[in-house]
Amino acid sequence: MLGMGMTIDFSDLKKIIFRPKAIILGVFLQFSIMPLLAFILAGLFNLQEQFILGFIILGSCPGGTASNIIAYLMDADVALSVSLTILSTILACVLTPLMIYFYGKTYVDVDVQGLIKSTFWIVIFPIIDGIILRKILKKKINKILKILPRMAELIVATIIGIIVSLNIENLSLVDFNFLLVIILHNLIGFIIAFLIARKISLNLKQQKTVAIEVAMQNSGLGVTLSMLHFNKLVALPSAIFSLWHNISAIILINFWGDNKK
């Protein structure tokens, strides 16, 4: 989140104002389709309650920063991708806890106030710090930005490694149904977002961008919230999703990257 904040210029924030249709659609789908899909799919495939809650948390998260890189590699609208990530991440401070409460209260007593506080400190605070650092560092920022993506990848990979290691005795619980929910959540979210974006006549680049942004959750945030407020088992869906959405992204890059229009 700090790294993301350091990539944000005020000109990026201004772009949000001039892209109302695509921005509103992307954010709306992010916080409507994905948590609902997670809730329906996890229940439909009879996953245990801890996993259902984990999928609800994952589905309630904003778009991940990896989507910006994928948008670039797939010849989508990078500026729109960045704008969607910024806005959905900021709104996540309130919307993510509310979605977790709305869908997850059936399975556990959700501390909404605690979730809002955690999301603020994990998301908003470091982003603001990053924006301030960008202004302070000025010309030096470009050198730092060159290494930030690699650092972020290393940190996320380390977090996922820790979660998987902590769940080593629970990996036997990750069965075919669990993996199918992971794949379907990502795939159906992508298809629905793409079709709706096409239906309202966004151009192809915008259609790609909205679909990517909606389908690629910030699974790192999902892992963190799960561990802070629940347990390592609840964090497992977000950890496994982190692995899967990179695989699905590679498939899309090979398809759309070779079919640029």
C-alpha atoms as a PDB file:
ATOM      1  CA  MET A   1       0.000   0.000   0.000  1.00  0.00           C
ATOM      2  CA  LEU A   2       2.896   2.365   0.737  1.00  0.00           C
ATOM      3  CA  GLY A   3       4.374   1.526  -2.656  1.00  0.00           C
ATOM      4  CA  MET A   4       1.035   2.116  -4.335  1.00  0.00           C
ATOM      5  CA  GLY A   5       0.752   5.489  -2.640  1.00  0.00           C
ATOM      6  CA  MET A   6       4.191   6.446  -3.984  1.00  0.00           C
ATOM      7  CA  THR A   7       3.007   5.760  -7.540  1.00  0.00           C
ATOM      8  CA  ILE A   8      -0.008   8.080  -7.184  1.00  0.00           C
ATOM      9  CA  ASP A   9       0.190  11.590  -8.540  1.00  0.00           C
ATOM     10  CA  PHE A  10      -2.606  14.097  -8.028  1.00  0.00           C
ATOM     11  CA  SER A  11      -3.100  14.064 -11.813  1.00  0.00           C
ATOM     12  CA  ASP A  12      -4.109  10.386 -11.456  1.00  0.00           C
ATOM     13  CA  LEU A  13      -6.782  11.339  -8.946  1.00  0.00           C
ATOM     14  CA  LYS A  14      -8.124  14.015 -11.306  1.00  0.00           C
ATOM     15  CA  LYS A  15      -8.633  11.383 -14.020  1.00  0.00           C
ATOM     16  CA  ILE A  16     -11.290   9.736 -11.859  1.00  0.00           C
ATOM     17  CA  ILE A  17     -13.552  12.762 -12.335  1.00  0.00           C
ATOM     18  CA  PHE A  18     -13.348  12.548 -16.130  1.00  0.00           C
ATOM     19  CA  ARG A  19     -14.151   8.813 -16.370  1.00  0.00           C
ATOM     20  CA  PRO A  20     -17.443   8.641 -14.429  1.00  0.00           C
ATOM     21  CA  LYS A  21     -19.167   5.819 -16.343  1.00  0.00           C
ATOM     22  CA  ALA A  22     -16.252   3.357 -16.328  1.00  0.00           C
ATOM     23  CA  ILE A  23     -15.211   4.273 -12.777  1.00  0.00           C
ATOM     24  CA  ILE A  24     -18.699   3.979 -11.273  1.00  0.00           C
ATOM     25  CA  LEU A  25     -19.299   0.672 -13.070  1.00  0.00           C
ATOM     26  CA  GLY A  26     -15.957  -0.815 -11.973  1.00  0.00           C
ATOM     27  CA  VAL A  27     -16.355   0.120  -8.311  1.00  0.00           C
ATOM     28  CA  PHE A  28     -20.006  -0.947  -8.223  1.00  0.00           C
ATOM     29  CA  LEU A  29     -19.209  -4.378  -9.677  1.00  0.00           C
ATOM     30  CA  GLN A  30     -16.221  -4.778  -7.368  1.00  0.00           C
ATOM     31  CA  PHE A  31     -18.282  -4.449  -4.202  1.00  0.00           C
ATOM     32  CA  SER A  32     -21.479  -6.086  -5.471  1.00  0.00           C
ATOM     33  CA  ILE A  33     -20.648  -9.033  -7.743  1.00  0.00           C
ATOM     34  CA  MET A  34     -17.500 -10.326  -6.022  1.00  0.00           C
ATOM     35  CA  PRO A  35     -18.734 -10.641  -2.405  1.00  0.00           C
ATOM     36  CA  LEU A  36     -22.086 -12.029  -3.623  1.00  0.00           C
ATOM     37  CA  LEU A  37     -20.333 -14.574  -5.866  1.00  0.00           C
ATOM     38  CA  ALA A  38     -18.048 -15.624  -3.012  1.00  0.00           C
ATOM     39  CA  PHE A  39     -21.031 -16.115  -0.693  1.00  0.00           C
ATOM     40  CA  ILE A  40     -23.060 -18.112  -3.247  1.00  0.00           C
ATOM     41  CA  LEU A  41     -20.240 -20.297  -4.588  1.00  0.00           C
ATOM     42  CA  ALA A  42     -18.729 -21.177  -1.200  1.00  0.00           C
ATOM     43  CA  GLY A  43     -22.172 -22.150   0.115  1.00  0.00           C
ATOM     44  CA  LEU A  44     -23.165 -23.971  -3.069  1.00  0.00           C
ATOM     45  CA  PHE A  45     -20.097 -26.240  -2.904  1.00  0.00           C
ATOM     46  CA  ASN A  46     -20.645 -26.996   0.805  1.00  0.00           C
ATOM     47  CA  LEU A  47     -17.342 -25.627   2.070  1.00  0.00           C
ATOM     48  CA  GLN A  48     -16.808 -25.530   5.818  1.00  0.00           C
ATOM     49  CA  GLU A  49     -17.797 -22.319   7.591  1.00  0.00           C
ATOM     50  CA  GLN A  50     -14.196 -21.099   8.083  1.00  0.00           C
ATOM     51  CA  PHE A  51     -13.598 -21.287   4.334  1.00  0.00           C
ATOM     52  CA  ILE A  52     -16.938 -19.649   3.506  1.00  0.00           C
ATOM     53  CA  LEU A  53     -15.979 -16.720   5.728  1.00  0.00           C
ATOM     54  CA  GLY A  54     -12.542 -16.635   4.086  1.00  0.00           C
ATOM     55  CA  PHE A  55     -14.106 -16.414   0.634  1.00  0.00           C
ATOM     56  CA  ILE A  56     -16.487 -13.676   1.792  1.00  0.00           C
ATOM     57  CA  ILE A  57     -13.510 -11.652   3.058  1.00  0.00           C
ATOM     58  CA  LEU A  58     -11.673 -12.236  -0.231  1.00  0.00           C
ATOM     59  CA  GLY A  59     -14.715 -11.223  -2.284  1.00  0.00           C
ATOM     60  CA  SER A  60     -15.184  -8.075  -0.200  1.00  0.00           C
ATOM     61  CA  CYS A  61     -11.667  -6.780  -0.892  1.00  0.00           C
ATOM     62  CA  PRO A  62     -10.911  -4.053  -3.459  1.00  0.00           C
ATOM     63  CA  GLY A  63      -8.983  -4.579  -6.694  1.00  0.00           C
ATOM     64  CA  GLY A  64      -5.356  -5.584  -6.273  1.00  0.00           C
ATOM     65  CA  THR A  65      -2.411  -3.487  -7.448  1.00  0.00           C
ATOM     66  CA  ALA A  66      -1.267  -6.405  -9.650  1.00  0.00           C
ATOM     67  CA  SER A  67      -4.215  -5.548 -11.903  1.00  0.00           C
ATOM     68  CA  ASN A  68      -2.411  -2.379 -13.030  1.00  0.00           C
ATOM     69  CA  ILE A  69       0.541  -4.415 -14.311  1.00  0.00           C
ATOM     70  CA  ILE A  70      -1.784  -6.937 -15.978  1.00  0.00           C
ATOM     71  CA  ALA A  71      -3.720  -4.089 -17.620  1.00  0.00           C
ATOM     72  CA  TYR A  72      -0.469  -2.772 -19.090  1.00  0.00           C
ATOM     73  CA  LEU A  73       0.638  -6.193 -20.367  1.00  0.00           C
ATOM     74  CA  MET A  74      -2.797  -6.851 -21.910  1.00  0.00           C
ATOM     75  CA  ASP A  75      -2.913  -3.510 -23.745  1.00  0.00           C
ATOM     76  CA  ALA A  76      -5.826  -2.315 -21.607  1.00  0.00           C
ATOM     77  CA  ASP A  77      -6.451   1.185 -20.203  1.00  0.00           C
ATOM     78  CA  VAL A  78      -3.729   1.563 -17.552  1.00  0.00           C
ATOM     79  CA  ALA A  79      -4.857   5.020 -16.390  1.00  0.00           C
ATOM     80  CA  LEU A  80      -8.377   3.666 -15.824  1.00  0.00           C
ATOM     81  CA  SER A  81      -6.958   0.628 -14.017  1.00  0.00           C
ATOM     82  CA  VAL A  82      -4.932   2.833 -11.660  1.00  0.00           C
ATOM     83  CA  SER A  83      -7.944   5.091 -11.046  1.00  0.00           C
ATOM     84  CA  LEU A  84     -10.172   2.101 -10.242  1.00  0.00           C
ATOM     85  CA  THR A  85      -7.578   0.617  -7.900  1.00  0.00           C
ATOM     86  CA  ILE A  86      -7.148   3.914  -6.069  1.00  0.00           C
ATOM     87  CA  LEU A  87     -10.872   4.578  -5.638  1.00  0.00           C
ATOM     88  CA  SER A  88     -11.861   1.021  -4.713  1.00  0.00           C
ATOM     89  CA  THR A  89      -8.983   0.851  -2.208  1.00  0.00           C
ATOM     90  CA  ILE A  90     -10.034   4.108  -0.552  1.00  0.00           C
ATOM     91  CA  LEU A  91     -13.692   3.031  -0.415  1.00  0.00           C
ATOM     92  CA  ALA A  92     -12.617  -0.368   0.958  1.00  0.00           C
ATOM     93  CA  CYS A  93     -11.986   1.275   4.317  1.00  0.00           C
ATOM     94  CA  VAL A  94     -15.764   1.239   4.846  1.00  0.00           C
ATOM     95  CA  LEU A  95     -17.233  -1.026   2.152  1.00  0.00           C
ATOM     96  CA  THR A  96     -15.019  -4.073   2.812  1.00  0.00           C
ATOM     97  CA  PRO A  97     -15.979  -4.338   6.526  1.00  0.00           C
ATOM     98  CA  LEU A  98     -19.649  -3.716   5.672  1.00  0.00           C
ATOM     99  CA  MET A  99     -19.662  -6.468   3.021  1.00  0.00           C
ATOM    100  CA  ILE A 100     -17.935  -8.877   5.420  1.00  0.00           C
ATOM    101  CA  TYR A 101     -20.547  -8.084   8.059  1.00  0.00           C
ATOM    102  CA  PHE A 102     -23.500  -8.355   5.655  1.00  0.00           C
ATOM    103  CA  TYR A 103     -22.507 -11.762   4.248  1.00  0.00           C
ATOM    104  CA  GLY A 104     -20.437 -13.150   7.110  1.00  0.00           C
ATOM    105  CA  LYS A 105     -22.648 -12.488  10.133  1.00  0.00           C
ATOM    106  CA  THR A 106     -24.389 -15.822   9.475  1.00  0.00           C
ATOM    107  CA  TYR A 107     -21.147 -17.635  10.285  1.00  0.00           C
ATOM    108  CA  VAL A 108     -19.402 -15.495  12.885  1.00  0.00           C
ATOM    109  CA  ASP A 109     -19.813 -12.399  15.053  1.00  0.00           C
ATOM    110  CA  VAL A 110     -18.168  -9.722  12.890  1.00  0.00           C
ATOM    111  CA  ASP A 111     -16.494  -6.753  14.598  1.00  0.00           C
ATOM    112  CA  VAL A 112     -17.322  -4.064  12.009  1.00  0.00           C
ATOM    113  CA  GLN A 113     -15.677  -1.228  13.965  1.00  0.00           C
ATOM    114  CA  GLY A 114     -12.493  -3.261  14.378  1.00  0.00           C
ATOM    115  CA  LEU A 115     -12.463  -4.149  10.683  1.00  0.00           C
ATOM    116  CA  ILE A 116     -12.883  -0.497   9.673  1.00  0.00           C
ATOM    117  CA  LYS A 117     -10.004   0.534  11.952  1.00  0.00           C
ATOM    118  CA  SER A 118      -7.767  -2.251  10.632  1.00  0.00           C
ATOM    119  CA  THR A 119      -8.589  -1.461   7.016  1.00  0.00           C
ATOM    120  CA  PHE A 120      -7.819   2.211   7.599  1.00  0.00           C
ATOM    121  CA  TRP A 121      -4.371   1.503   9.065  1.00  0.00           C
ATOM    122  CA  ILE A 122      -3.552  -1.173   6.497  1.00  0.00           C
ATOM    123  CA  VAL A 123      -4.857   0.696   3.432  1.00  0.00           C
ATOM    124  CA  ILE A 124      -5.532   4.418   3.760  1.00  0.00           C
ATOM    125  CA  PHE A 125      -2.726   5.416   6.146  1.00  0.00           C
ATOM    126  CA  PRO A 126       0.167   3.926   4.117  1.00  0.00           C
ATOM    127  CA  ILE A 127      -1.307   5.252   0.844  1.00  0.00           C
ATOM    128  CA  ILE A 128      -1.379   8.785   2.290  1.00  0.00           C
ATOM    129  CA  ASP A 129       2.197   8.283   3.520  1.00  0.00           C
ATOM    130  CA  GLY A 130       3.199   7.155   0.029  1.00  0.00           C
ATOM    131  CA  ILE A 131       1.647  10.232  -1.617  1.00  0.00           C
ATOM    132  CA  ILE A 132       3.467  12.499   0.876  1.00  0.00           C
ATOM    133  CA  LEU A 133       6.766  10.665   0.316  1.00  0.00           C
ATOM    134  CA  ARG A 134       6.376  11.100  -3.432  1.00  0.00           C
ATOM    135  CA  LYS A 135       6.107  14.867  -2.947  1.00  0.00           C
ATOM    136  CA  ILE A 136       9.115  14.945  -0.590  1.00  0.00           C
ATOM    137  CA  LEU A 137      11.394  12.746  -2.713  1.00  0.00           C
ATOM    138  CA  LYS A 138      10.442  14.386  -6.034  1.00  0.00           C
ATOM    139  CA  LYS A 139      13.191  13.567  -8.568  1.00  0.00           C
ATOM    140  CA  LYS A 140      14.461  10.560  -6.609  1.00  0.00           C
ATOM    141  CA  ILE A 141      11.057   8.884  -6.788  1.00  0.00           C
ATOM    142  CA  ASN A 142      11.650   7.311 -10.228  1.00  0.00           C
ATOM    143  CA  LYS A 143      14.659   5.336  -8.957  1.00  0.00           C
ATOM    144  CA  ILE A 144      12.639   4.078  -5.992  1.00  0.00           C
ATOM    145  CA  LEU A 145       9.650   3.147  -8.163  1.00  0.00           C
ATOM    146  CA  LYS A 146      11.871   0.855 -10.234  1.00  0.00           C
ATOM    147  CA  ILE A 147      12.461  -1.450  -7.260  1.00  0.00           C
ATOM    148  CA  LEU A 148       9.068  -1.105  -5.531  1.00  0.00           C
ATOM    149  CA  PRO A 149       7.179  -3.681  -7.663  1.00  0.00           C
ATOM    150  CA  ARG A 150       9.841  -6.318  -6.941  1.00  0.00           C
ATOM    151  CA  MET A 151       9.771  -5.478  -3.235  1.00  0.00           C
ATOM    152  CA  ALA A 152       5.974  -5.725  -3.195  1.00  0.00           C
ATOM    153  CA  GLU A 153       6.103  -9.094  -4.981  1.00  0.00           C
ATOM    154  CA  LEU A 154       8.652 -10.383  -2.464  1.00  0.00           C
ATOM    155  CA  ILE A 155       6.580  -9.199   0.513  1.00  0.00           C
ATOM    156  CA  VAL A 156       3.339 -10.689  -0.840  1.00  0.00           C
ATOM    157  CA  ALA A 157       5.110 -13.960  -1.725  1.00  0.00           C
ATOM    158  CA  THR A 158       6.554 -14.096   1.809  1.00  0.00           C
ATOM    159  CA  ILE A 159       3.124 -13.502   3.379  1.00  0.00           C
ATOM    160  CA  ILE A 160       1.560 -16.226   1.212  1.00  0.00           C
ATOM    161  CA  GLY A 161       4.421 -18.584   2.087  1.00  0.00           C
ATOM    162  CA  ILE A 162       3.851 -17.967   5.805  1.00  0.00           C
ATOM    163  CA  ILE A 163       0.089 -18.544   5.535  1.00  0.00           C
ATOM    164  CA  VAL A 164       0.573 -21.768   3.558  1.00  0.00           C
ATOM    165  CA  SER A 165       3.232 -22.927   6.071  1.00  0.00           C
ATOM    166  CA  LEU A 166       0.975 -22.176   9.040  1.00  0.00           C
ATOM    167  CA  ASN A 167      -1.762 -24.178   7.331  1.00  0.00           C
ATOM    168  CA  ILE A 168       0.424 -27.132   6.381  1.00  0.00           C
ATOM    169  CA  GLU A 169      -1.714 -29.498   8.448  1.00  0.00           C
ATOM    170  CA  ASN A 170      -4.870 -28.022   6.881  1.00  0.00           C
ATOM    171  CA  LEU A 171      -3.820 -28.277   3.227  1.00  0.00           C
ATOM    172  CA  SER A 172      -5.523 -31.660   3.033  1.00  0.00           C
ATOM    173  CA  LEU A 173      -8.776 -29.716   3.474  1.00  0.00           C
ATOM    174  CA  VAL A 174      -8.108 -27.884   0.200  1.00  0.00           C
ATOM    175  CA  ASP A 175     -10.058 -30.262  -1.987  1.00  0.00           C
ATOM    176  CA  PHE A 176     -11.462 -30.093  -5.511  1.00  0.00           C
ATOM    177  CA  ASN A 177     -14.516 -28.054  -4.406  1.00  0.00           C
ATOM    178  CA  PHE A 178     -12.285 -25.464  -2.707  1.00  0.00           C
ATOM    179  CA  LEU A 179     -10.129 -25.050  -5.822  1.00  0.00           C
ATOM    180  CA  LEU A 180     -13.210 -24.931  -8.041  1.00  0.00           C
ATOM    181  CA  VAL A 181     -14.653 -22.049  -5.995  1.00  0.00           C
ATOM    182  CA  ILE A 182     -11.314 -20.191  -6.347  1.00  0.00           C
ATOM    183  CA  ILE A 183     -11.345 -20.607 -10.141  1.00  0.00           C
ATOM    184  CA  LEU A 184     -15.065 -19.903 -10.637  1.00  0.00           C
ATOM    185  CA  HIS A 185     -15.013 -16.816  -8.401  1.00  0.00           C
ATOM    186  CA  ASN A 186     -12.251 -15.305 -10.514  1.00  0.00           C
ATOM    187  CA  LEU A 187     -13.597 -16.487 -13.882  1.00  0.00           C
ATOM    188  CA  ILE A 188     -17.291 -15.653 -13.408  1.00  0.00           C
ATOM    189  CA  GLY A 189     -16.441 -12.244 -11.939  1.00  0.00           C
ATOM    190  CA  PHE A 190     -14.285 -11.517 -14.980  1.00  0.00           C
ATOM    191  CA  ILE A 191     -16.919 -12.638 -17.509  1.00  0.00           C
ATOM    192  CA  ILE A 192     -19.818 -10.770 -15.849  1.00  0.00           C
ATOM    193  CA  ALA A 193     -17.798  -7.553 -15.557  1.00  0.00           C
ATOM    194  CA  PHE A 194     -16.624  -7.813 -19.173  1.00  0.00           C
ATOM    195  CA  LEU A 195     -20.130  -8.432 -20.536  1.00  0.00           C
ATOM    196  CA  ILE A 196     -21.692  -5.597 -18.524  1.00  0.00           C
ATOM    197  CA  ALA A 197     -18.906  -3.216 -19.610  1.00  0.00           C
ATOM    198  CA  ARG A 198     -19.602  -4.211 -23.222  1.00  0.00           C
ATOM    199  CA  LYS A 199     -23.363  -3.821 -22.725  1.00  0.00           C
ATOM    200  CA  ILE A 200     -23.000  -0.176 -21.672  1.00  0.00           C
ATOM    201  CA  SER A 201     -20.763   0.503 -24.703  1.00  0.00           C
ATOM    202  CA  LEU A 202     -17.357   1.005 -23.103  1.00  0.00           C
ATOM    203  CA  ASN A 203     -14.550   0.596 -25.635  1.00  0.00           C
ATOM    204  CA  LEU A 204     -12.563  -2.663 -25.759  1.00  0.00           C
ATOM    205  CA  LYS A 205      -9.675  -1.361 -23.658  1.00  0.00           C
ATOM    206  CA  GLN A 206     -12.088  -0.169 -20.976  1.00  0.00           C
ATOM    207  CA  GLN A 207     -13.975  -3.489 -21.105  1.00  0.00           C
ATOM    208  CA  LYS A 208     -10.706  -5.362 -20.495  1.00  0.00           C
ATOM    209  CA  THR A 209      -9.728  -3.012 -17.689  1.00  0.00           C
ATOM    210  CA  VAL A 210     -13.007  -3.194 -15.787  1.00  0.00           C
ATOM    211  CA  ALA A 211     -13.025  -6.995 -16.081  1.00  0.00           C
ATOM    212  CA  ILE A 212      -9.422  -7.324 -14.860  1.00  0.00           C
ATOM    213  CA  GLU A 213      -9.953  -4.914 -11.988  1.00  0.00           C
ATOM    214  CA  VAL A 214     -13.131  -6.583 -10.756  1.00  0.00           C
ATOM    215  CA  ALA A 215     -11.792 -10.154 -11.007  1.00  0.00           C
ATOM    216  CA  MET A 216      -8.377  -9.561  -9.388  1.00  0.00           C
ATOM    217  CA  GLN A 217      -8.953  -9.094  -5.676  1.00  0.00           C
ATOM    218  CA  ASN A 218      -6.441  -7.599  -3.234  1.00  0.00           C
ATOM    219  CA  SER A 219      -5.804 -10.997  -1.688  1.00  0.00           C
ATOM    220  CA  GLY A 220      -2.966  -9.604   0.449  1.00  0.00           C
ATOM    221  CA  LEU A 221      -5.516  -7.458   2.274  1.00  0.00           C
ATOM    222  CA  GLY A 222      -7.788 -10.504   2.566  1.00  0.00           C
ATOM    223  CA  VAL A 223      -5.008 -12.512   4.207  1.00  0.00           C
ATOM    224  CA  THR A 224      -4.178  -9.697   6.632  1.00  0.00           C
ATOM    225  CA  LEU A 225      -7.776  -9.050   7.727  1.00  0.00           C
ATOM    226  CA  SER A 226      -8.384 -12.788   8.125  1.00  0.00           C
ATOM    227  CA  MET A 227      -5.339 -13.235  10.345  1.00  0.00           C
ATOM    228  CA  LEU A 228      -5.992 -10.102  12.404  1.00  0.00           C
ATOM    229  CA  HIS A 229      -9.653 -10.771  13.138  1.00  0.00           C
ATOM    230  CA  PHE A 230     -10.158 -14.506  12.658  1.00  0.00           C
ATOM    231  CA  ASN A 231      -7.592 -17.285  12.121  1.00  0.00           C
ATOM    232  CA  LYS A 232      -5.131 -18.865   9.696  1.00  0.00           C
ATOM    233  CA  LEU A 233      -7.763 -21.192   8.223  1.00  0.00           C
ATOM    234  CA  VAL A 234      -9.945 -18.229   7.251  1.00  0.00           C
ATOM    235  CA  ALA A 235      -6.886 -16.715   5.514  1.00  0.00           C
ATOM    236  CA  LEU A 236      -6.346 -19.759   3.287  1.00  0.00           C
ATOM    237  CA  PRO A 237      -8.801 -18.799   0.473  1.00  0.00           C
ATOM    238  CA  SER A 238      -7.043 -15.435   0.006  1.00  0.00           C
ATOM    239  CA  ALA A 239      -3.612 -17.093   0.042  1.00  0.00           C
ATOM    240  CA  ILE A 240      -4.559 -19.709  -2.570  1.00  0.00           C
ATOM    241  CA  PHE A 241      -6.353 -17.062  -4.665  1.00  0.00           C
ATOM    242  CA  SER A 242      -3.080 -15.089  -4.797  1.00  0.00           C
ATOM    243  CA  LEU A 243      -1.504 -18.028  -6.568  1.00  0.00           C
ATOM    244  CA  TRP A 244      -4.432 -18.690  -8.899  1.00  0.00           C
ATOM    245  CA  HIS A 245      -5.122 -15.164 -10.171  1.00  0.00           C
ATOM    246  CA  ASN A 246      -1.522 -14.896 -11.361  1.00  0.00           C
ATOM    247  CA  ILE A 247      -2.007 -18.092 -13.370  1.00  0.00           C
ATOM    248  CA  SER A 248      -5.261 -16.817 -14.876  1.00  0.00           C
ATOM    249  CA  ALA A 249      -3.576 -13.473 -15.617  1.00  0.00           C
ATOM    250  CA  ILE A 250      -0.802 -15.224 -17.567  1.00  0.00           C
ATOM    251  CA  ILE A 251      -3.447 -17.022 -19.651  1.00  0.00           C
ATOM    252  CA  LEU A 252      -5.188 -13.703 -20.399  1.00  0.00           C
ATOM    253  CA  ILE A 253      -1.906 -11.976 -21.255  1.00  0.00           C
ATOM    254  CA  ASN A 254      -1.121 -14.711 -23.772  1.00  0.00           C
ATOM    255  CA  PHE A 255      -4.592 -14.425 -25.288  1.00  0.00           C
ATOM    256  CA  TRP A 256      -5.104 -10.654 -25.369  1.00  0.00           C
ATOM    257  CA  GLY A 257      -1.437  -9.738 -25.514  1.00  0.00           C
ATOM    258  CA  ASP A 258      -1.213 -11.563 -28.846  1.00  0.00           C
ATOM    259  CA  ASN A 259      -4.527 -10.166 -30.079  1.00  0.00           C
ATOM    260  CA  LYS A 260      -4.136  -6.434 -29.542  1.00  0.00           C
ATOM    261  CA  LYS A 261      -6.639  -4.210 -31.274  1.00  0.00           C
END
